[in-house]
Structures are given as C-alpha cells and as structure tokens.
Amino acid sequence: MKNLLTDIEGIKVGHAHNEILASGATAILFDTPAVAAIDIRGGGPGTRDSALLDLANTVERIDGLALSGGSAFGLETGGGVQACLAEQGRGFAIGDARVPIVPGAVVFDLLNGGNKKWGRFSPYRDLGFEAAMSATDGTFTLGNAGAGYGATTANFKGGLGSASATTLGGIGVAALAVVNAVGTVTVGDGPWFWSAPFEQNGEFGGRGLPQIFTPDMLAARLKGADRANAGENTTLVVVATDAALTKPQARRLAILAQTGFARATYPAHAPLDGDIVFAVSLGDKPVDPLYGLTQLGMEAANVVARAIARGVYEGRALPFADALPAWRDRHA
C-alpha cells in the first residue's frame, strides 16, 4: 500500500505544472473504462462534461479525469488528456469513431502570484497532455503538484493530497484531493488538522487535536474575507474503489464521501467553494448494496478527510511576495 489513489489497481496518475504560471494539471487515467458518478456540494463549481455523469444519461463509463488550476481556462486541460487517450485508440465507440470520455473540474488559482498573462490561448491543454503522458500506476508527488501546484487555503498553502484504505471486507478505497478551500484545514492557525481523528501512521504530522477549543480556534478564517467570490475556492476529490458498483451506487459513494469534506475543512460546502467528488469503480469485488455500500462510503469519507489534510501538510510556499506560508514553515 502506497497510501495513494494508485493503490486501486487500474489507475494511473500524472502531473504537470508551470512554475512561472504557478499552476498545473493532473490527469487520472483508467486502464479500462470506469463506472463513474459525481456529487457537487459547493456553490461555485467549474466542471467539464459533468452532465455525462448524471444518472439519467447514457454514458456509464469514463476513460479518465482532468483536474487543473486556471478556473474556467483550466477546463481546456481535458482536451489535452483526451488527445493523449485518442492517440492510444481509447474512447467511447460510435461506429468507427472513438471519443475518449474525460470529465474534469478546476480550481481558481489566478490570484496566487503567478504570471497568468499567457496570451491568446491558455497553456492548460498542453499541461493536460503532458500530465497524461507522464501518468503512472506507481507513486506520485503530493503538495505542490499538478492541479494542486497553485492551490491555497485561508491561512496556509494548499496542495494535492491522497490516501487509501481497505474495508473490513477487503475492498480497497482511495482518494485524491486538490485542496483550494475558502476556509481552513487546520484548527485555527495551529498545528492541528481537523482530520486528526482519522490520521494513519502520522501521515500529516501526528499532532492530534488541541486539548481545548478556544473561541479563536472556532472563528471563521475565510480566504479573501469580504471580497471572496464564488468560484475562487474549491476542493476537488476523486474517490476510487475496486468494488463492482453500478452508476447509481457510485453516486451514493460520492455522496457518502462528501462527509470527508466536513471532517477536514472549516467550513465545507460554502457558497464560495466548488466542492466536488468524482466516484469511480474499477474492480469486480461484490459489495452488499446496503450495509456493504454504507461501510465503503464510511471508509471513503475517512480517506477523503485524510487526503485533504495531506494536501496542506505536503504543500510548500510559492516563491512570490506575500505568498501564504506552508504548514511546515510554521509547525515543522
């Protein structure tokens, strides 16, 4: 177990970023098309092809996912991932034509200090292609990586995190998170993560929770304060399992996994966030549709909370004036 999304067999993850831009992209590719669904709880989402994942619509399986910075400009990342898959002959077959199915989502990182004056066309399609070409089923970088390269929270640098687990019934579940929340992932400005009760093996510092919670710890810390706008803040999550799920069951898994946001961020699902969970099923392990799916969703929420904390724990401050500090700058 690598404690990463790639612990689920059949998944590859790749990153690309541009240091001057202070942004990047992450490609998540599936060896075979994966059953997928989506649940959106934030008030300012930015998505590509999310309508395909609606339970009423025809397509049940997807070839990959594209996550990126860049706000709406970053939606072009999916075109780059799609181009890479098309070169491999992948895609939904319609006669002799094949169309790679690559939904995606973006975070807003346009005000993080990087140079976003890219000219007529944004670089995100190229970043998506580069990320897809580099995808591997092994270990991958956390923190300032891919779509999390330019991510921030209210008080610390954000980033990309991941975590995995196995249920008591032997089903694997893992999450990848891009943490760009309007609020905080820590209790106040201290070293404690809201996700602390779910931490495994000191994966984000092992600091636990404070002995008491003061009013200052519970006060709202919101990125941008009263100038914050919907769409500037988002946490994106991909939850994957090797259980055999139908599309409606994948949707229920995504809904259950959203609990992890509330365990990890303060606040969660705000009108200023675009919080999204993609849930994908790649395996053939049977799961009881009631108690088994409930247990799987419970564990999915736990790994989401852990992945979000790891995204901030592994983040590094960007090299710009007035950049947010990293958690490790204050608490390592």
Foldseek 3Di string as FASTA:
>chain_A
DQFFPLVAPFKWKFWDDDQQQLKIKMKIFGNDWWFKAKDWQAQFWFKFPNVCLPPVHDDGTAGIEMEIEDFNLLNLLQLLLFVLVVVVVAADDDPPDGGHGYMYTYAYLNPQFHDQPPDDHGCNSVRSNNRNVGIDSDDDDWALTGRQVRACELFARFIKFKGKDAFPVGKIKMKIKRFRAQWDQAQQLDLHGLLQVLDDPCLQNNPHDDPDRDVNSLDTRGHVPPVQDARNGEMEMEMEIQEDDGSVLQNVLQVLLQLLQPSGGVHPSYSNYGYMYMYIYDHHHYADSPVRSNSSSPVSNSRSNVRRSSRQSSHQWRPHPPTRHGSVVPPD
